[in-house]
């Protein structure tokens, strides 16, 4: 997961730091070129794209090299809705230069994440936290989060078994960052399904 520059082109400041994926969060991706002069349409995974209207630098991971980050200076960002923007990168002046960037993911340093409320959290912040159920107490440890089109899912290690819990307000309550604990409301019977899968098979199934 190495960050690299294309022979340090003149349109990148020498002070731009090298970054790895572990030091960044995924902001969105390039959808397609827009018009003929290097602008591109981008989809951002945010609530309000206008938050990033003054973006100065962004890191791209090409679809052909998804673990390598390349830094680009941003000339302008024009929000086109809650999650869509038109973005112009310095040095990308023609549609022929923008086309190879189609599908590239956009990344930013973790330090640029917006601040959250006291009980809110980012997924990467709670990896390794204890999972505490409001009724049952300590259950296990947060191992990962999976992002699916339908919803995000928390992966917890419980008695040696991976247990998946949808990340919705009704089930995932809040995080105590000081205590390194994530509080949840496990649906009744969910743990039993994971621990005793055979007991819940449909007897009519072949």
N, C-alpha and C. Protein backbone atom coordinates (compact mmCIF):
# COMPACT_ATOMS: atom_id res chain seq x y z
N UNK A 1 0.84 -1.19 0.00
CA UNK A 1 0.00 0.00 0.00
C UNK A 1 0.88 1.24 0.00
N UNK A 2 1.51 1.48 -1.12
CA UNK A 2 2.47 2.57 -1.23
C UNK A 2 1.87 3.73 -1.99
N UNK A 3 2.08 4.91 -1.48
CA UNK A 3 1.66 6.12 -2.18
C UNK A 3 2.78 6.55 -3.10
N UNK A 4 2.44 6.91 -4.33
CA UNK A 4 3.48 7.34 -5.24
C UNK A 4 3.00 8.53 -6.05
N UNK A 5 3.94 9.24 -6.62
CA UNK A 5 3.64 10.34 -7.51
C UNK A 5 4.18 9.99 -8.89
N UNK A 6 3.54 10.49 -9.90
CA UNK A 6 3.97 10.21 -11.27
C UNK A 6 5.19 11.07 -11.60
N UNK A 7 6.38 10.61 -11.13
CA UNK A 7 7.64 11.33 -11.33
C UNK A 7 7.57 12.76 -10.80
N UNK A 8 6.80 12.97 -9.72
CA UNK A 8 6.63 14.28 -9.11
C UNK A 8 6.39 15.37 -10.16
N UNK A 9 5.23 15.33 -10.84
CA UNK A 9 4.93 16.33 -11.86
C UNK A 9 4.90 17.72 -11.27
N UNK A 10 5.10 18.69 -12.14
CA UNK A 10 5.27 20.07 -11.70
C UNK A 10 4.03 20.64 -11.05
N UNK A 11 2.86 20.06 -11.32
CA UNK A 11 1.64 20.63 -10.75
C UNK A 11 1.36 20.12 -9.34
N UNK A 12 2.26 19.28 -8.76
CA UNK A 12 2.11 18.83 -7.38
C UNK A 12 3.14 19.53 -6.50
N UNK A 13 2.72 20.04 -5.33
CA UNK A 13 3.68 20.69 -4.44
C UNK A 13 4.63 19.65 -3.85
N UNK A 14 5.90 19.99 -3.71
CA UNK A 14 6.87 19.05 -3.16
C UNK A 14 6.55 18.69 -1.72
N UNK A 15 5.76 19.55 -1.03
CA UNK A 15 5.43 19.31 0.36
C UNK A 15 4.28 18.33 0.53
N UNK A 16 3.64 17.92 -0.56
CA UNK A 16 2.52 16.97 -0.45
C UNK A 16 3.03 15.66 0.13
N UNK A 17 2.47 15.21 1.28
CA UNK A 17 3.02 14.02 1.94
C UNK A 17 2.62 12.74 1.25
N UNK A 18 3.49 11.74 1.37
CA UNK A 18 3.14 10.40 0.91
C UNK A 18 2.12 9.83 1.90
N UNK A 19 1.11 9.15 1.39
CA UNK A 19 0.07 8.58 2.25
C UNK A 19 -0.16 7.12 1.87
N UNK A 20 -0.58 6.33 2.84
CA UNK A 20 -0.98 4.96 2.60
C UNK A 20 -2.48 4.85 2.83
N UNK A 21 -3.08 3.76 2.36
CA UNK A 21 -4.52 3.57 2.55
C UNK A 21 -4.89 3.55 4.02
N UNK A 22 -4.01 3.01 4.86
CA UNK A 22 -4.29 2.95 6.29
C UNK A 22 -4.36 4.33 6.93
N UNK A 23 -3.77 5.31 6.27
CA UNK A 23 -3.76 6.68 6.81
C UNK A 23 -4.88 7.53 6.22
N UNK A 24 -5.73 6.91 5.39
CA UNK A 24 -6.74 7.68 4.66
C UNK A 24 -8.13 7.08 4.83
N UNK A 25 -9.13 7.85 4.45
CA UNK A 25 -10.49 7.33 4.35
C UNK A 25 -11.00 7.55 2.93
N UNK A 26 -11.90 6.68 2.50
CA UNK A 26 -12.42 6.75 1.14
C UNK A 26 -13.51 7.81 1.06
N UNK A 27 -13.28 8.81 0.21
CA UNK A 27 -14.22 9.92 0.07
C UNK A 27 -15.29 9.63 -0.97
N UNK A 28 -14.92 8.92 -2.03
CA UNK A 28 -15.87 8.66 -3.12
C UNK A 28 -15.12 8.10 -4.32
N UNK A 29 -15.66 8.36 -5.51
CA UNK A 29 -14.99 7.86 -6.71
C UNK A 29 -15.34 8.72 -7.92
N UNK A 30 -14.48 8.65 -8.94
CA UNK A 30 -14.71 9.36 -10.19
C UNK A 30 -15.72 8.55 -11.02
N UNK A 31 -16.81 9.18 -11.41
CA UNK A 31 -17.84 8.50 -12.19
C UNK A 31 -17.47 8.49 -13.67
N UNK A 32 -17.14 9.68 -14.19
CA UNK A 32 -16.85 9.80 -15.62
C UNK A 32 -16.32 11.19 -15.92
N UNK A 33 -15.69 11.38 -17.07
CA UNK A 33 -15.31 12.74 -17.50
C UNK A 33 -16.55 13.58 -17.75
N UNK A 34 -16.41 14.89 -17.59
CA UNK A 34 -17.52 15.80 -17.86
C UNK A 34 -17.04 16.85 -18.85
N UNK A 35 -17.68 16.90 -20.01
CA UNK A 35 -17.30 17.83 -21.08
C UNK A 35 -15.89 17.53 -21.57
N UNK A 36 -15.23 18.53 -22.15
CA UNK A 36 -13.99 18.27 -22.88
C UNK A 36 -12.73 18.84 -22.24
N UNK A 37 -12.87 19.61 -21.13
CA UNK A 37 -11.71 20.34 -20.61
C UNK A 37 -11.20 19.81 -19.26
N UNK A 38 -11.34 18.52 -19.04
CA UNK A 38 -10.71 17.90 -17.89
C UNK A 38 -11.56 17.77 -16.64
N UNK A 39 -12.73 18.38 -16.64
CA UNK A 39 -13.61 18.22 -15.48
C UNK A 39 -14.13 16.78 -15.42
N UNK A 40 -14.47 16.34 -14.20
CA UNK A 40 -14.99 15.00 -14.01
C UNK A 40 -16.16 15.03 -13.02
N UNK A 41 -17.08 14.11 -13.23
CA UNK A 41 -18.16 13.92 -12.27
C UNK A 41 -17.70 12.93 -11.22
N UNK A 42 -17.91 13.27 -9.94
CA UNK A 42 -17.52 12.38 -8.84
C UNK A 42 -18.70 12.16 -7.92
N UNK A 43 -18.78 10.96 -7.39
CA UNK A 43 -19.78 10.60 -6.39
C UNK A 43 -19.09 10.52 -5.04
N UNK A 44 -19.57 11.30 -4.06
CA UNK A 44 -18.96 11.33 -2.73
C UNK A 44 -19.82 10.58 -1.73
N UNK A 45 -19.19 9.83 -0.86
CA UNK A 45 -19.90 9.08 0.17
C UNK A 45 -20.02 9.97 1.41
N UNK A 46 -20.81 11.04 1.29
CA UNK A 46 -20.97 12.03 2.35
C UNK A 46 -22.43 12.46 2.40
N UNK A 47 -22.79 13.15 3.47
CA UNK A 47 -24.16 13.67 3.58
C UNK A 47 -24.33 14.98 2.83
N UNK A 48 -23.26 15.78 2.77
CA UNK A 48 -23.34 17.09 2.12
C UNK A 48 -22.04 17.37 1.37
N UNK A 49 -22.09 17.25 0.05
CA UNK A 49 -20.90 17.44 -0.77
C UNK A 49 -20.33 18.84 -0.64
N UNK A 50 -21.16 19.81 -0.28
CA UNK A 50 -20.69 21.19 -0.15
C UNK A 50 -19.61 21.33 0.92
N UNK A 51 -19.54 20.37 1.84
CA UNK A 51 -18.50 20.39 2.88
C UNK A 51 -17.11 20.36 2.26
N UNK A 52 -17.01 19.78 1.05
CA UNK A 52 -15.70 19.61 0.41
C UNK A 52 -15.52 20.56 -0.77
N UNK A 53 -16.29 21.63 -0.80
CA UNK A 53 -16.21 22.58 -1.91
C UNK A 53 -14.86 23.29 -1.98
N UNK A 54 -14.15 23.38 -0.86
CA UNK A 54 -12.85 24.07 -0.83
C UNK A 54 -11.69 23.08 -0.74
N UNK A 55 -11.91 21.86 -1.19
CA UNK A 55 -10.87 20.83 -1.16
C UNK A 55 -9.64 21.28 -1.96
N UNK A 56 -8.46 21.10 -1.39
CA UNK A 56 -7.23 21.55 -2.03
C UNK A 56 -6.41 20.41 -2.63
N UNK A 57 -6.42 19.25 -1.98
CA UNK A 57 -5.65 18.10 -2.44
C UNK A 57 -6.48 16.84 -2.25
N UNK A 58 -6.39 15.92 -3.19
CA UNK A 58 -7.08 14.64 -3.07
C UNK A 58 -6.14 13.54 -3.56
N UNK A 59 -6.30 12.37 -3.02
CA UNK A 59 -5.48 11.21 -3.41
C UNK A 59 -6.34 10.25 -4.22
N UNK A 60 -5.83 9.84 -5.38
CA UNK A 60 -6.55 8.94 -6.26
C UNK A 60 -5.92 7.56 -6.25
N UNK A 61 -6.78 6.54 -6.24
CA UNK A 61 -6.35 5.16 -6.43
C UNK A 61 -7.00 4.68 -7.71
N UNK A 62 -6.21 4.47 -8.76
CA UNK A 62 -6.73 4.04 -10.04
C UNK A 62 -7.37 2.66 -9.93
N UNK A 63 -8.37 2.42 -10.77
CA UNK A 63 -9.03 1.12 -10.77
C UNK A 63 -8.05 0.00 -11.09
N UNK A 64 -7.01 0.31 -11.85
CA UNK A 64 -6.00 -0.69 -12.22
C UNK A 64 -4.92 -0.86 -11.15
N UNK A 65 -4.88 0.04 -10.15
CA UNK A 65 -3.89 -0.05 -9.07
C UNK A 65 -4.55 0.44 -7.78
N UNK A 66 -5.49 -0.32 -7.24
CA UNK A 66 -6.35 0.17 -6.15
C UNK A 66 -5.65 0.39 -4.82
N UNK A 67 -4.41 -0.08 -4.64
CA UNK A 67 -3.72 0.11 -3.37
C UNK A 67 -2.66 1.20 -3.43
N UNK A 68 -2.52 1.85 -4.58
CA UNK A 68 -1.52 2.91 -4.74
C UNK A 68 -2.20 4.27 -4.83
N UNK A 69 -1.76 5.19 -4.01
CA UNK A 69 -2.36 6.52 -3.98
C UNK A 69 -1.47 7.53 -4.69
N UNK A 70 -2.11 8.37 -5.50
CA UNK A 70 -1.42 9.45 -6.20
C UNK A 70 -2.08 10.76 -5.83
N UNK A 71 -1.30 11.73 -5.42
CA UNK A 71 -1.84 13.02 -4.98
C UNK A 71 -2.05 13.96 -6.16
N UNK A 72 -3.18 14.65 -6.14
CA UNK A 72 -3.51 15.67 -7.14
C UNK A 72 -3.96 16.93 -6.44
N UNK A 73 -3.51 18.08 -6.94
CA UNK A 73 -4.06 19.34 -6.47
C UNK A 73 -5.44 19.53 -7.10
N UNK A 74 -6.35 20.09 -6.33
CA UNK A 74 -7.72 20.33 -6.80
C UNK A 74 -7.86 21.80 -7.18
N UNK A 75 -8.29 22.06 -8.41
CA UNK A 75 -8.51 23.43 -8.85
C UNK A 75 -9.86 23.95 -8.37
N UNK A 76 -10.89 23.10 -8.47
CA UNK A 76 -12.22 23.53 -8.02
C UNK A 76 -13.12 22.32 -7.85
N UNK A 77 -14.10 22.49 -6.98
CA UNK A 77 -15.14 21.50 -6.75
C UNK A 77 -16.48 22.22 -6.79
N UNK A 78 -17.37 21.78 -7.70
CA UNK A 78 -18.70 22.38 -7.82
C UNK A 78 -19.75 21.35 -7.43
N UNK A 79 -20.36 21.47 -6.24
CA UNK A 79 -21.40 20.52 -5.82
C UNK A 79 -22.58 20.54 -6.79
N UNK A 80 -23.07 19.36 -7.11
CA UNK A 80 -24.21 19.20 -8.02
C UNK A 80 -25.39 18.52 -7.31
N UNK A 81 -25.33 18.43 -6.02
CA UNK A 81 -26.35 17.76 -5.24
C UNK A 81 -25.75 17.35 -3.91
N UNK A 82 -26.46 16.53 -3.16
CA UNK A 82 -25.98 16.14 -1.84
C UNK A 82 -24.70 15.32 -1.91
N UNK A 83 -24.54 14.52 -2.97
CA UNK A 83 -23.39 13.63 -3.05
C UNK A 83 -22.62 13.70 -4.37
N UNK A 84 -23.09 14.49 -5.31
CA UNK A 84 -22.41 14.60 -6.62
C UNK A 84 -21.68 15.93 -6.72
N UNK A 85 -20.50 15.90 -7.34
CA UNK A 85 -19.75 17.12 -7.60
C UNK A 85 -19.12 17.05 -8.97
N UNK A 86 -18.79 18.22 -9.52
CA UNK A 86 -17.89 18.32 -10.66
C UNK A 86 -16.54 18.73 -10.08
N UNK A 87 -15.50 17.95 -10.39
CA UNK A 87 -14.19 18.22 -9.83
C UNK A 87 -13.18 18.43 -10.94
N UNK A 88 -12.32 19.41 -10.77
CA UNK A 88 -11.26 19.71 -11.73
C UNK A 88 -9.92 19.59 -11.02
N UNK A 89 -9.08 18.69 -11.53
CA UNK A 89 -7.75 18.48 -10.96
C UNK A 89 -6.70 19.21 -11.78
N UNK A 90 -5.74 19.80 -11.11
CA UNK A 90 -4.68 20.52 -11.81
C UNK A 90 -3.86 19.55 -12.64
N UNK A 91 -3.60 19.92 -13.89
CA UNK A 91 -2.83 19.08 -14.79
C UNK A 91 -3.69 18.18 -15.66
N UNK A 92 -4.98 18.08 -15.36
CA UNK A 92 -5.92 17.31 -16.19
C UNK A 92 -6.72 18.33 -17.00
N UNK A 93 -6.33 18.52 -18.25
CA UNK A 93 -6.88 19.62 -19.05
C UNK A 93 -7.76 19.15 -20.20
N UNK A 94 -7.72 17.87 -20.54
CA UNK A 94 -8.48 17.38 -21.69
C UNK A 94 -9.22 16.11 -21.32
N UNK A 95 -10.27 15.82 -22.06
CA UNK A 95 -11.05 14.61 -21.80
C UNK A 95 -10.18 13.36 -21.94
N UNK A 96 -9.18 13.43 -22.83
CA UNK A 96 -8.29 12.27 -23.00
C UNK A 96 -7.46 12.01 -21.74
N UNK A 97 -7.19 13.05 -20.95
CA UNK A 97 -6.45 12.89 -19.71
C UNK A 97 -7.37 12.48 -18.55
N UNK A 98 -8.63 12.86 -18.66
CA UNK A 98 -9.59 12.53 -17.61
C UNK A 98 -10.11 11.10 -17.73
N UNK A 99 -10.22 10.60 -18.95
CA UNK A 99 -10.81 9.28 -19.17
C UNK A 99 -10.11 8.16 -18.40
N UNK A 100 -8.76 8.12 -18.32
CA UNK A 100 -8.10 7.04 -17.57
C UNK A 100 -8.40 7.07 -16.07
N UNK A 101 -8.93 8.19 -15.58
CA UNK A 101 -9.24 8.31 -14.15
C UNK A 101 -10.65 7.83 -13.83
N UNK A 102 -11.41 7.47 -14.84
CA UNK A 102 -12.78 6.95 -14.62
C UNK A 102 -12.71 5.75 -13.67
N UNK A 103 -13.56 5.76 -12.66
CA UNK A 103 -13.61 4.67 -11.70
C UNK A 103 -12.59 4.75 -10.57
N UNK A 104 -11.71 5.74 -10.63
CA UNK A 104 -10.71 5.88 -9.57
C UNK A 104 -11.38 6.27 -8.25
N UNK A 105 -10.88 5.71 -7.16
CA UNK A 105 -11.41 6.07 -5.85
C UNK A 105 -10.69 7.30 -5.31
N UNK A 106 -11.42 8.12 -4.61
CA UNK A 106 -10.89 9.35 -4.02
C UNK A 106 -10.65 9.12 -2.52
N UNK A 107 -9.47 9.49 -2.06
CA UNK A 107 -9.11 9.29 -0.66
C UNK A 107 -8.61 10.60 -0.06
N UNK A 108 -8.82 10.74 1.24
CA UNK A 108 -8.30 11.88 1.99
C UNK A 108 -7.67 11.38 3.29
N UNK A 109 -6.71 12.14 3.85
CA UNK A 109 -6.11 11.73 5.13
C UNK A 109 -7.15 11.66 6.24
N UNK A 110 -6.97 10.74 7.16
CA UNK A 110 -7.90 10.60 8.28
C UNK A 110 -8.01 11.89 9.09
N UNK A 111 -6.95 12.69 9.07
CA UNK A 111 -6.96 13.94 9.83
C UNK A 111 -7.99 14.93 9.30
N UNK A 112 -8.49 14.70 8.08
CA UNK A 112 -9.47 15.62 7.49
C UNK A 112 -10.91 15.16 7.69
N UNK A 113 -11.11 14.08 8.44
CA UNK A 113 -12.47 13.66 8.74
C UNK A 113 -13.17 14.72 9.60
N UNK A 114 -14.43 15.02 9.30
CA UNK A 114 -15.17 15.99 10.14
C UNK A 114 -15.29 15.47 11.57
N UNK A 115 -15.30 16.39 12.52
CA UNK A 115 -15.48 16.01 13.91
C UNK A 115 -16.90 15.51 14.14
N UNK A 116 -17.03 14.52 15.05
CA UNK A 116 -18.32 13.93 15.34
C UNK A 116 -18.79 14.31 16.73
N UNK A 117 -20.05 14.03 17.01
CA UNK A 117 -20.60 14.25 18.33
C UNK A 117 -20.00 13.29 19.34
N UNK A 118 -20.29 13.50 20.61
CA UNK A 118 -19.66 12.74 21.70
C UNK A 118 -19.88 11.24 21.58
N UNK A 119 -21.09 10.81 21.22
CA UNK A 119 -21.40 9.38 21.18
C UNK A 119 -21.21 8.77 19.79
N UNK A 120 -20.84 9.59 18.80
CA UNK A 120 -20.68 9.10 17.44
C UNK A 120 -19.26 8.56 17.22
N UNK A 121 -19.08 7.82 16.14
CA UNK A 121 -17.77 7.24 15.88
C UNK A 121 -17.62 6.90 14.41
N UNK A 122 -16.37 6.84 13.97
CA UNK A 122 -16.04 6.31 12.66
C UNK A 122 -15.69 4.84 12.83
N UNK A 123 -15.96 4.05 11.80
CA UNK A 123 -15.74 2.61 11.89
C UNK A 123 -14.31 2.28 12.31
N UNK A 124 -13.33 2.93 11.69
CA UNK A 124 -11.94 2.58 11.97
C UNK A 124 -11.55 2.88 13.41
N UNK A 125 -12.30 3.78 14.07
CA UNK A 125 -11.96 4.16 15.44
C UNK A 125 -12.31 3.08 16.46
N UNK A 126 -13.24 2.18 16.14
CA UNK A 126 -13.73 1.24 17.15
C UNK A 126 -13.28 -0.20 16.89
N UNK A 127 -12.43 -0.42 15.90
CA UNK A 127 -11.87 -1.76 15.70
C UNK A 127 -11.10 -2.15 16.97
N UNK A 128 -11.39 -3.33 17.51
CA UNK A 128 -10.73 -3.78 18.73
C UNK A 128 -11.48 -3.42 20.00
N UNK A 129 -12.55 -2.61 19.89
CA UNK A 129 -13.34 -2.25 21.07
C UNK A 129 -14.13 -3.46 21.58
N UNK A 130 -14.39 -3.49 22.89
CA UNK A 130 -15.31 -4.47 23.45
C UNK A 130 -16.73 -4.16 22.99
N UNK A 131 -17.47 -5.20 22.66
CA UNK A 131 -18.89 -5.05 22.33
C UNK A 131 -19.69 -5.35 23.59
N UNK A 132 -20.48 -4.38 24.03
CA UNK A 132 -21.24 -4.52 25.27
C UNK A 132 -22.73 -4.44 24.94
N UNK A 133 -23.44 -5.53 25.24
CA UNK A 133 -24.90 -5.56 25.04
C UNK A 133 -25.57 -4.94 26.26
N UNK A 134 -26.63 -4.17 26.03
CA UNK A 134 -27.32 -3.48 27.12
C UNK A 134 -27.88 -4.45 28.15
N UNK A 135 -28.19 -5.69 27.75
CA UNK A 135 -28.75 -6.67 28.67
C UNK A 135 -27.73 -7.73 29.11
N UNK A 136 -26.93 -8.22 28.16
CA UNK A 136 -26.05 -9.35 28.43
C UNK A 136 -24.65 -8.95 28.89
N UNK A 137 -24.30 -7.68 28.76
CA UNK A 137 -22.97 -7.24 29.14
C UNK A 137 -21.95 -7.46 28.04
N UNK A 138 -20.69 -7.67 28.40
CA UNK A 138 -19.61 -7.82 27.42
C UNK A 138 -19.80 -9.10 26.62
N UNK A 139 -19.77 -8.96 25.29
CA UNK A 139 -19.97 -10.10 24.41
C UNK A 139 -18.70 -10.53 23.70
N UNK A 140 -17.99 -9.57 23.13
CA UNK A 140 -16.82 -9.90 22.33
C UNK A 140 -16.08 -8.66 21.90
N UNK A 141 -15.45 -8.73 20.74
CA UNK A 141 -14.59 -7.65 20.25
C UNK A 141 -14.95 -7.31 18.81
N UNK A 142 -14.95 -6.01 18.49
CA UNK A 142 -15.19 -5.56 17.12
C UNK A 142 -13.99 -5.95 16.27
N UNK A 143 -14.23 -6.73 15.21
CA UNK A 143 -13.14 -7.15 14.34
C UNK A 143 -13.10 -6.38 13.02
N UNK A 144 -14.28 -6.02 12.51
CA UNK A 144 -14.30 -5.40 11.18
C UNK A 144 -15.67 -4.80 10.94
N UNK A 145 -15.76 -4.06 9.84
CA UNK A 145 -17.04 -3.58 9.33
C UNK A 145 -17.09 -3.91 7.84
N UNK A 146 -18.21 -4.40 7.39
CA UNK A 146 -18.40 -4.69 5.98
C UNK A 146 -19.43 -3.71 5.42
N UNK A 147 -19.10 -3.10 4.29
CA UNK A 147 -20.00 -2.13 3.67
C UNK A 147 -20.68 -2.79 2.47
N UNK A 148 -21.97 -3.08 2.62
CA UNK A 148 -22.76 -3.68 1.56
C UNK A 148 -23.70 -2.63 0.97
N UNK A 149 -24.18 -2.85 -0.25
CA UNK A 149 -25.10 -1.87 -0.86
C UNK A 149 -26.35 -1.62 -0.01
N UNK A 150 -26.84 -2.66 0.65
CA UNK A 150 -28.07 -2.51 1.43
C UNK A 150 -27.82 -1.80 2.76
N UNK A 151 -26.71 -2.14 3.43
CA UNK A 151 -26.41 -1.56 4.73
C UNK A 151 -25.00 -1.95 5.16
N UNK A 152 -24.50 -1.25 6.17
CA UNK A 152 -23.21 -1.59 6.75
C UNK A 152 -23.42 -2.61 7.86
N UNK A 153 -22.42 -3.48 8.05
CA UNK A 153 -22.54 -4.57 9.02
C UNK A 153 -21.30 -4.61 9.90
N UNK A 154 -21.52 -4.74 11.20
CA UNK A 154 -20.44 -4.90 12.17
C UNK A 154 -20.10 -6.38 12.32
N UNK A 155 -18.81 -6.71 12.31
CA UNK A 155 -18.37 -8.08 12.53
C UNK A 155 -17.73 -8.17 13.91
N UNK A 156 -18.32 -9.02 14.77
CA UNK A 156 -17.85 -9.18 16.14
C UNK A 156 -17.37 -10.62 16.34
N UNK A 157 -16.29 -10.79 17.10
CA UNK A 157 -15.82 -12.12 17.46
C UNK A 157 -16.45 -12.51 18.80
N UNK A 158 -17.31 -13.54 18.78
CA UNK A 158 -18.03 -13.97 19.97
C UNK A 158 -17.81 -15.47 20.17
N UNK A 159 -17.12 -15.84 21.24
CA UNK A 159 -16.83 -17.24 21.55
C UNK A 159 -16.24 -17.98 20.34
N UNK A 160 -15.30 -17.31 19.68
CA UNK A 160 -14.61 -17.90 18.55
C UNK A 160 -15.37 -17.86 17.23
N UNK A 161 -16.58 -17.31 17.25
CA UNK A 161 -17.43 -17.27 16.06
C UNK A 161 -17.63 -15.83 15.59
N UNK A 162 -17.56 -15.61 14.28
CA UNK A 162 -17.87 -14.29 13.75
C UNK A 162 -19.38 -14.09 13.74
N UNK A 163 -19.81 -13.01 14.36
CA UNK A 163 -21.23 -12.65 14.42
C UNK A 163 -21.41 -11.31 13.73
N UNK A 164 -22.37 -11.22 12.82
CA UNK A 164 -22.62 -10.00 12.07
C UNK A 164 -23.85 -9.29 12.60
N UNK A 165 -23.72 -7.97 12.76
CA UNK A 165 -24.81 -7.15 13.29
C UNK A 165 -24.99 -5.93 12.39
N UNK A 166 -26.19 -5.72 11.84
CA UNK A 166 -26.42 -4.53 11.02
C UNK A 166 -26.16 -3.24 11.81
N UNK A 167 -25.52 -2.29 11.15
CA UNK A 167 -25.22 -1.01 11.80
C UNK A 167 -26.41 -0.07 11.57
N UNK A 168 -27.36 -0.14 12.48
CA UNK A 168 -28.53 0.74 12.46
C UNK A 168 -28.73 1.27 13.87
N UNK A 169 -29.39 2.41 13.98
CA UNK A 169 -29.52 3.06 15.28
C UNK A 169 -30.18 2.17 16.32
N UNK A 170 -31.12 1.32 15.89
CA UNK A 170 -31.83 0.48 16.85
C UNK A 170 -30.94 -0.59 17.47
N UNK A 171 -29.87 -0.97 16.78
CA UNK A 171 -29.02 -2.07 17.25
C UNK A 171 -27.66 -1.60 17.76
N UNK A 172 -27.10 -0.58 17.15
CA UNK A 172 -25.80 -0.05 17.59
C UNK A 172 -26.06 1.29 18.25
N UNK A 173 -25.85 1.34 19.55
CA UNK A 173 -26.24 2.50 20.34
C UNK A 173 -25.22 3.64 20.29
N UNK A 174 -24.06 3.41 20.90
CA UNK A 174 -23.05 4.46 20.97
C UNK A 174 -21.71 3.87 21.35
N UNK A 175 -20.67 4.69 21.25
CA UNK A 175 -19.31 4.25 21.61
C UNK A 175 -18.80 5.09 22.77
N UNK A 176 -18.12 4.42 23.69
CA UNK A 176 -17.40 5.10 24.76
C UNK A 176 -15.92 5.04 24.39
N UNK A 177 -15.42 6.14 23.85
CA UNK A 177 -14.06 6.15 23.32
C UNK A 177 -13.03 5.97 24.43
N UNK A 178 -13.29 6.53 25.60
CA UNK A 178 -12.33 6.43 26.70
C UNK A 178 -12.23 4.99 27.21
N UNK A 179 -13.37 4.33 27.32
CA UNK A 179 -13.39 2.95 27.82
C UNK A 179 -13.15 1.93 26.72
N UNK A 180 -13.13 2.37 25.47
CA UNK A 180 -12.97 1.50 24.30
C UNK A 180 -14.05 0.41 24.28
N UNK A 181 -15.29 0.88 24.38
CA UNK A 181 -16.43 -0.02 24.37
C UNK A 181 -17.49 0.48 23.39
N UNK A 182 -18.12 -0.47 22.68
CA UNK A 182 -19.20 -0.16 21.75
C UNK A 182 -20.46 -0.82 22.30
N UNK A 183 -21.50 -0.03 22.52
CA UNK A 183 -22.73 -0.52 23.13
C UNK A 183 -23.77 -0.86 22.06
N UNK A 184 -24.35 -2.05 22.21
CA UNK A 184 -25.30 -2.55 21.21
C UNK A 184 -26.54 -3.10 21.90
N UNK A 185 -27.57 -3.32 21.09
CA UNK A 185 -28.79 -3.99 21.52
C UNK A 185 -29.00 -5.19 20.61
N UNK A 186 -28.47 -6.33 21.01
CA UNK A 186 -28.54 -7.52 20.17
C UNK A 186 -29.98 -8.00 20.03
N UNK A 187 -30.42 -8.30 18.81
CA UNK A 187 -31.75 -8.87 18.62
C UNK A 187 -31.87 -10.21 19.34
N UNK A 188 -33.00 -10.45 19.95
CA UNK A 188 -33.20 -11.69 20.68
C UNK A 188 -33.04 -12.90 19.75
N UNK A 189 -32.23 -13.84 20.19
CA UNK A 189 -32.03 -15.07 19.43
C UNK A 189 -30.93 -15.03 18.40
N UNK A 190 -30.35 -13.85 18.12
CA UNK A 190 -29.32 -13.76 17.07
C UNK A 190 -28.07 -14.56 17.42
N UNK A 191 -27.59 -14.41 18.64
CA UNK A 191 -26.39 -15.15 19.04
C UNK A 191 -26.64 -16.66 19.00
N UNK A 192 -27.82 -17.08 19.37
CA UNK A 192 -28.15 -18.51 19.37
C UNK A 192 -28.12 -19.07 17.95
N UNK A 193 -28.54 -18.26 16.98
CA UNK A 193 -28.51 -18.71 15.58
C UNK A 193 -27.08 -18.97 15.13
N UNK A 194 -26.15 -18.10 15.53
CA UNK A 194 -24.75 -18.28 15.14
C UNK A 194 -24.09 -19.44 15.89
N UNK A 195 -24.44 -19.61 17.15
CA UNK A 195 -23.79 -20.64 17.96
C UNK A 195 -24.39 -22.02 17.74
N UNK A 196 -25.64 -22.08 17.32
CA UNK A 196 -26.32 -23.37 17.08
C UNK A 196 -27.05 -23.34 15.74
N UNK A 197 -26.31 -23.21 14.65
CA UNK A 197 -26.96 -23.06 13.34
C UNK A 197 -27.82 -24.26 12.96
N UNK A 198 -27.43 -25.46 13.36
CA UNK A 198 -28.19 -26.64 12.99
C UNK A 198 -29.57 -26.68 13.60
N UNK A 199 -29.73 -26.04 14.77
CA UNK A 199 -31.01 -26.07 15.45
C UNK A 199 -32.05 -25.20 14.78
N UNK A 200 -31.61 -24.36 13.83
CA UNK A 200 -32.52 -23.42 13.20
C UNK A 200 -32.75 -23.71 11.73
N UNK A 201 -32.35 -24.91 11.27
CA UNK A 201 -32.58 -25.26 9.88
C UNK A 201 -34.05 -25.57 9.65
N UNK A 202 -34.53 -25.25 8.47
CA UNK A 202 -35.92 -25.56 8.10
C UNK A 202 -36.06 -27.06 7.94
N UNK A 203 -36.90 -27.69 8.76
CA UNK A 203 -37.03 -29.15 8.66
C UNK A 203 -37.57 -29.64 7.35
N UNK A 204 -38.22 -28.74 6.59
CA UNK A 204 -38.77 -29.13 5.29
C UNK A 204 -37.79 -28.93 4.15
N UNK A 205 -36.62 -28.31 4.49
CA UNK A 205 -35.64 -28.05 3.43
C UNK A 205 -34.91 -29.34 3.11
N UNK A 206 -34.61 -29.52 1.84
CA UNK A 206 -33.88 -30.73 1.41
C UNK A 206 -32.39 -30.56 1.68
